[in-house]
Amino acid sequence: MKVETRTGYVEESMAIPGPMEDLDGAPDYERLKTIAASTGGKVLGRGDDLLKEIEAYAAKVQNRFVEERRLPLWAKLYVLIPILGLLGMEWYFRRRWGLV
């Protein structure tokens, strides 16, 4: 097996135990139907209309968008005033007790 990328390539050998003649590359339609049924999907054959299925899927899809808005603490007045008040009190008491 050889993999080439822009930065270089890697080449490795791998042993495949057992004969490969009994393996089939064709899809197993029964297994595909089972997977589709368990996940809520559909299996379409050659006679089925793909465009009709796509339109049906698009019709039932909900078009919702979640808007996320982030505001810093300083943008909220009810948070800013107590913080400034506490910092001001700290400064006042330090000046009063001679700590500054």
Protein backbone atom coordinates (compact mmCIF):
# COMPACT_ATOMS: atom_id res chain seq x y z
CA MET A 1 0.00 0.00 0.00
CA LYS A 2 1.40 3.42 -0.93
CA VAL A 3 0.08 6.83 0.18
CA GLU A 4 1.40 10.01 -1.42
CA THR A 5 0.86 13.53 -0.06
CA ARG A 6 2.41 16.92 -0.73
CA THR A 7 4.91 16.46 2.07
CA GLY A 8 6.01 12.95 1.15
CA TYR A 9 4.86 9.38 0.83
CA VAL A 10 4.53 6.26 2.96
CA GLU A 11 4.76 2.75 1.60
CA GLU A 12 3.90 -0.33 3.64
CA SER A 13 3.38 -3.98 2.95
CA MET A 14 0.45 -5.84 4.44
CA ALA A 15 -0.31 -9.54 4.49
CA ILE A 16 -3.86 -10.60 3.71
CA PRO A 17 -4.44 -14.05 5.16
CA GLY A 18 -6.81 -16.40 3.38
CA PRO A 19 -8.09 -16.53 -0.15
CA MET A 20 -9.87 -13.50 -1.60
CA GLU A 21 -11.97 -15.42 -4.14
CA ASP A 22 -14.96 -15.85 -1.83
CA LEU A 23 -15.28 -12.11 -1.10
CA ASP A 24 -17.80 -10.22 -3.22
CA GLY A 25 -17.52 -6.52 -4.02
CA ALA A 26 -21.21 -6.12 -4.85
CA PRO A 27 -23.40 -4.42 -2.22
CA ASP A 28 -25.56 -6.58 0.02
CA TYR A 29 -29.02 -5.07 -0.52
CA GLU A 30 -30.62 -6.92 2.38
CA ARG A 31 -28.04 -5.54 4.79
CA LEU A 32 -28.50 -2.04 3.32
CA LYS A 33 -32.27 -2.31 3.82
CA THR A 34 -31.76 -3.42 7.43
CA ILE A 35 -29.43 -0.50 8.12
CA ALA A 36 -31.81 1.95 6.44
CA ALA A 37 -34.77 0.65 8.44
CA SER A 38 -32.91 0.92 11.74
CA THR A 39 -31.67 4.45 11.08
CA GLY A 40 -34.84 5.83 9.49
CA GLY A 41 -33.40 5.99 5.98
CA LYS A 42 -34.58 4.67 2.64
CA VAL A 43 -33.11 2.37 0.04
CA LEU A 44 -33.88 3.36 -3.54
CA GLY A 45 -33.66 1.01 -6.48
CA ARG A 46 -33.15 1.87 -10.11
CA GLY A 47 -36.87 2.28 -10.76
CA ASP A 48 -37.42 4.72 -7.89
CA ASP A 49 -37.46 8.45 -8.53
CA LEU A 50 -34.54 10.01 -6.66
CA LEU A 51 -35.66 13.58 -7.35
CA LYS A 52 -39.08 12.89 -5.81
CA GLU A 53 -37.44 11.55 -2.64
CA ILE A 54 -35.15 14.56 -2.40
CA GLU A 55 -38.12 16.93 -2.74
CA ALA A 56 -40.05 15.03 -0.06
CA TYR A 57 -37.05 15.23 2.27
CA ALA A 58 -36.58 18.94 1.60
CA ALA A 59 -40.27 19.62 2.28
CA LYS A 60 -40.18 18.10 5.76
CA VAL A 61 -36.88 19.64 6.86
CA GLN A 62 -37.35 22.42 9.36
CA ASN A 63 -35.54 25.63 8.54
CA ARG A 64 -34.45 26.79 11.97
CA PHE A 65 -31.45 28.83 12.87
CA VAL A 66 -30.12 29.30 16.36
CA GLU A 67 -28.68 32.73 16.92
CA GLU A 68 -26.04 33.02 19.60
CA ARG A 69 -25.19 36.41 20.95
CA ARG A 70 -22.32 37.05 23.33
CA LEU A 71 -22.06 40.20 25.37
CA PRO A 72 -19.27 41.00 27.80
CA LEU A 73 -20.14 41.72 31.44
CA TRP A 74 -19.38 45.39 30.88
CA ALA A 75 -22.20 45.65 28.34
CA LYS A 76 -24.82 44.87 30.99
CA LEU A 77 -25.64 47.82 33.18
CA TYR A 78 -26.98 45.77 36.11
CA VAL A 79 -23.60 44.01 36.36
CA LEU A 80 -21.40 47.02 35.63
CA ILE A 81 -22.83 49.24 38.38
CA PRO A 82 -22.25 46.78 41.30
CA ILE A 83 -18.73 45.98 40.09
CA LEU A 84 -17.83 49.67 39.83
CA GLY A 85 -19.46 50.27 43.21
CA LEU A 86 -17.41 47.53 44.89
CA LEU A 87 -14.19 48.75 43.30
CA GLY A 88 -14.97 52.30 44.36
CA MET A 89 -15.68 51.18 47.95
CA GLU A 90 -12.41 49.28 48.03
CA TRP A 91 -10.51 52.33 46.84
CA TYR A 92 -12.29 54.55 49.41
CA PHE A 93 -11.53 52.23 52.34
CA ARG A 94 -7.90 51.81 51.32
CA ARG A 95 -7.47 55.58 51.12
CA ARG A 96 -9.27 56.05 54.45
CA TRP A 97 -7.16 53.47 56.30
CA GLY A 98 -3.93 54.64 54.70
CA LEU A 99 -3.24 51.50 52.69
CA VAL A 100 -2.67 53.38 49.43
